[in-house]
């Protein structure tokens, strides 16, 4: 079953659109994860989309520890495209939250040279956090400034130059 452009994709997107309707308590978080689990159960057992969606649900409800192995399973099963890049970002963030930022850096650095898309700023933001956790704040700040510069109505060139200078000075 391909999920792209399917009715299933519409239903999973609708489920995710309701996450803020659930409370922060364990019972509400469990209810949300049950909704995602029910949709995932419709997928073939070897679909990499299932572990990704389940990992995202755990991650979004405060369980990085349970999300990490599911993200890794999704990648092992061959997740591709947009979801693969999201998995890399989210897995890196979860690894950082678990005290393993160096693994997050290793996953995200190759994404800096990947084909550009709307996730570029998220890659840089998560990589900056991982670098900061490793005491490499200047590199992290440089990445954040690089991500921010194109969105500024003025000073783009100056900000980009300042970002480069932060890492050249080291």
Protein backbone atom coordinates (compact mmCIF):
# COMPACT_ATOMS: atom_id res chain seq x y z
CA UNK A 1 0.00 0.00 0.00
CA UNK A 2 1.49 3.30 -1.05
CA UNK A 3 0.46 6.08 1.27
CA UNK A 4 1.51 9.08 -0.84
CA UNK A 5 -1.47 11.14 -1.94
CA UNK A 6 -3.81 8.57 -0.46
CA UNK A 7 -6.86 8.81 1.71
CA UNK A 8 -4.72 7.30 4.50
CA UNK A 9 -2.35 10.28 4.24
CA UNK A 10 -5.31 12.62 4.64
CA UNK A 11 -6.45 10.75 7.75
CA UNK A 12 -2.98 10.71 9.34
CA UNK A 13 -2.62 14.45 8.64
CA UNK A 14 -6.04 15.03 10.21
CA UNK A 15 -4.99 13.05 13.28
CA UNK A 16 -1.82 15.11 13.63
CA UNK A 17 -3.87 18.30 13.28
CA UNK A 18 -5.67 17.35 16.52
CA UNK A 19 -2.59 16.84 18.71
CA UNK A 20 -3.10 20.16 20.49
CA UNK A 21 -6.60 19.01 21.50
CA UNK A 22 -5.01 16.44 23.80
CA UNK A 23 -3.74 17.39 27.24
CA UNK A 24 -0.14 17.08 28.37
CA UNK A 25 -0.97 14.38 30.94
CA UNK A 26 -0.01 10.74 30.39
CA UNK A 27 -3.59 9.59 29.74
CA UNK A 28 -4.20 12.20 27.02
CA UNK A 29 -0.81 11.48 25.43
CA UNK A 30 -1.69 7.79 25.40
CA UNK A 31 -5.02 8.55 23.74
CA UNK A 32 -3.26 10.45 20.97
CA UNK A 33 -0.73 7.68 20.45
CA UNK A 34 -3.61 5.18 20.25
CA UNK A 35 -5.13 7.19 17.40
CA UNK A 36 -1.82 7.05 15.52
CA UNK A 37 -1.37 3.34 16.33
CA UNK A 38 -4.83 2.60 14.91
CA UNK A 39 -3.93 4.28 11.62
CA UNK A 40 -0.50 2.62 11.51
CA UNK A 41 -2.17 -0.77 11.96
CA UNK A 42 -3.68 -0.33 8.48
CA UNK A 43 -0.22 -0.29 6.88
CA UNK A 44 1.72 -3.39 5.81
CA UNK A 45 3.94 -4.74 8.59
CA UNK A 46 7.11 -3.89 6.65
CA UNK A 47 6.11 -0.30 5.86
CA UNK A 48 8.72 2.19 7.09
CA UNK A 49 5.96 4.79 7.45
CA UNK A 50 4.47 2.98 10.45
CA UNK A 51 7.52 3.18 12.71
CA UNK A 52 8.07 6.79 11.65
CA UNK A 53 4.52 7.81 12.61
CA UNK A 54 4.69 5.91 15.89
CA UNK A 55 8.09 7.43 16.70
CA UNK A 56 6.74 10.90 15.96
CA UNK A 57 3.81 10.29 18.29
CA UNK A 58 6.11 9.16 21.10
CA UNK A 59 8.42 12.11 20.46
CA UNK A 60 5.56 14.60 20.42
CA UNK A 61 4.30 13.30 23.75
CA UNK A 62 7.64 13.50 25.56
CA UNK A 63 9.12 10.04 25.03
CA UNK A 64 12.35 10.47 23.06
CA UNK A 65 13.59 7.19 24.54
CA UNK A 66 10.77 5.25 22.89
CA UNK A 67 10.95 7.26 19.67
CA UNK A 68 14.64 6.62 18.89
CA UNK A 69 14.41 2.88 18.17
CA UNK A 70 11.32 3.44 16.03
CA UNK A 71 13.02 6.17 13.98
CA UNK A 72 15.97 3.83 13.51
CA UNK A 73 13.62 1.04 12.41
CA UNK A 74 11.95 3.35 9.87
CA UNK A 75 15.35 4.17 8.37
CA UNK A 76 16.39 0.49 8.40
CA UNK A 77 13.17 -0.40 6.54
CA UNK A 78 14.08 2.07 3.80
CA UNK A 79 12.10 5.23 4.53
CA UNK A 80 12.66 7.69 1.70
CA UNK A 81 11.86 11.20 0.60
CA UNK A 82 10.44 13.89 2.81
CA UNK A 83 9.71 11.53 5.69
CA UNK A 84 13.30 10.28 5.65
CA UNK A 85 14.57 13.81 6.09
CA UNK A 86 12.03 14.49 8.84
CA UNK A 87 13.14 11.27 10.53
CA UNK A 88 16.76 12.40 10.45
CA UNK A 89 15.87 15.74 12.03
CA UNK A 90 13.57 14.26 14.65
CA UNK A 91 15.93 11.38 15.49
CA UNK A 92 18.80 13.83 15.93
CA UNK A 93 16.71 15.97 18.26
CA UNK A 94 15.68 12.93 20.29
CA UNK A 95 19.27 11.71 20.52
CA UNK A 96 20.28 15.14 21.81
CA UNK A 97 17.48 15.03 24.38
CA UNK A 98 18.85 11.68 25.54
CA UNK A 99 22.38 13.06 25.98
CA UNK A 100 23.76 11.77 22.68
CA UNK A 101 24.26 14.98 20.67
CA UNK A 102 27.33 13.68 18.82
CA UNK A 103 25.10 11.11 17.09
CA UNK A 104 22.72 13.90 16.14
CA UNK A 105 25.57 15.88 14.60
CA UNK A 106 26.68 12.83 12.60
CA UNK A 107 23.16 12.40 11.21
CA UNK A 108 22.56 16.07 10.42
CA UNK A 109 25.85 17.22 8.91
CA UNK A 110 25.23 15.33 5.62
CA UNK A 111 21.83 17.04 5.40
CA UNK A 112 23.57 20.41 4.98
CA UNK A 113 24.52 19.40 1.44
CA UNK A 114 21.28 17.56 0.59
CA UNK A 115 18.97 19.03 -2.05
CA UNK A 116 17.30 22.11 -0.60
CA UNK A 117 13.74 21.99 0.69
CA UNK A 118 11.51 23.53 3.34
CA UNK A 119 13.26 21.49 6.06
CA UNK A 120 16.65 23.21 5.60
CA UNK A 121 16.08 25.62 8.49
CA UNK A 122 14.99 22.76 10.78
CA UNK A 123 18.17 20.87 9.90
CA UNK A 124 20.26 23.91 10.82
CA UNK A 125 18.29 24.59 13.99
CA UNK A 126 18.56 21.01 15.27
CA UNK A 127 22.22 20.81 14.28
CA UNK A 128 22.86 24.08 16.14
CA UNK A 129 21.29 22.62 19.28
CA UNK A 130 23.37 19.44 18.99
CA UNK A 131 26.53 21.49 18.49
CA UNK A 132 25.68 23.67 21.48
CA UNK A 133 25.22 20.56 23.61
CA UNK A 134 28.76 19.64 22.62
CA UNK A 135 30.11 23.08 23.60
CA UNK A 136 30.41 24.20 19.97
CA UNK A 137 28.22 27.27 20.36
CA UNK A 138 29.94 29.44 17.72
CA UNK A 139 29.30 26.81 15.04
CA UNK A 140 25.70 26.49 16.17
CA UNK A 141 25.14 30.24 16.17
CA UNK A 142 26.65 30.44 12.70
CA UNK A 143 24.16 27.85 11.42
CA UNK A 144 21.22 29.67 13.00
CA UNK A 145 22.28 32.98 11.49
CA UNK A 146 22.66 31.31 8.08
CA UNK A 147 19.13 29.97 8.41
CA UNK A 148 17.73 33.30 9.59
CA UNK A 149 19.44 35.60 7.07
CA UNK A 150 17.29 34.77 4.00
CA UNK A 151 14.11 35.55 5.97
CA UNK A 152 15.17 39.05 6.94
CA UNK A 153 13.73 42.00 4.99
CA UNK A 154 17.18 43.68 5.12
CA UNK A 155 20.74 42.83 6.17
CA UNK A 156 20.77 39.37 4.56
CA UNK A 157 24.27 39.80 3.18
CA UNK A 158 25.64 41.21 6.43
CA UNK A 159 24.13 38.41 8.50
CA UNK A 160 25.48 35.76 6.12
CA UNK A 161 28.95 37.34 6.37
CA UNK A 162 28.75 37.47 10.17
CA UNK A 163 27.70 33.82 10.23
CA UNK A 164 30.73 32.82 8.16
CA UNK A 165 33.05 34.96 10.29
CA UNK A 166 31.97 33.11 13.45
CA UNK A 167 33.47 29.88 12.24
CA UNK A 168 36.42 31.37 10.33
CA UNK A 169 37.68 32.98 13.54
CA UNK A 170 38.16 29.59 15.19
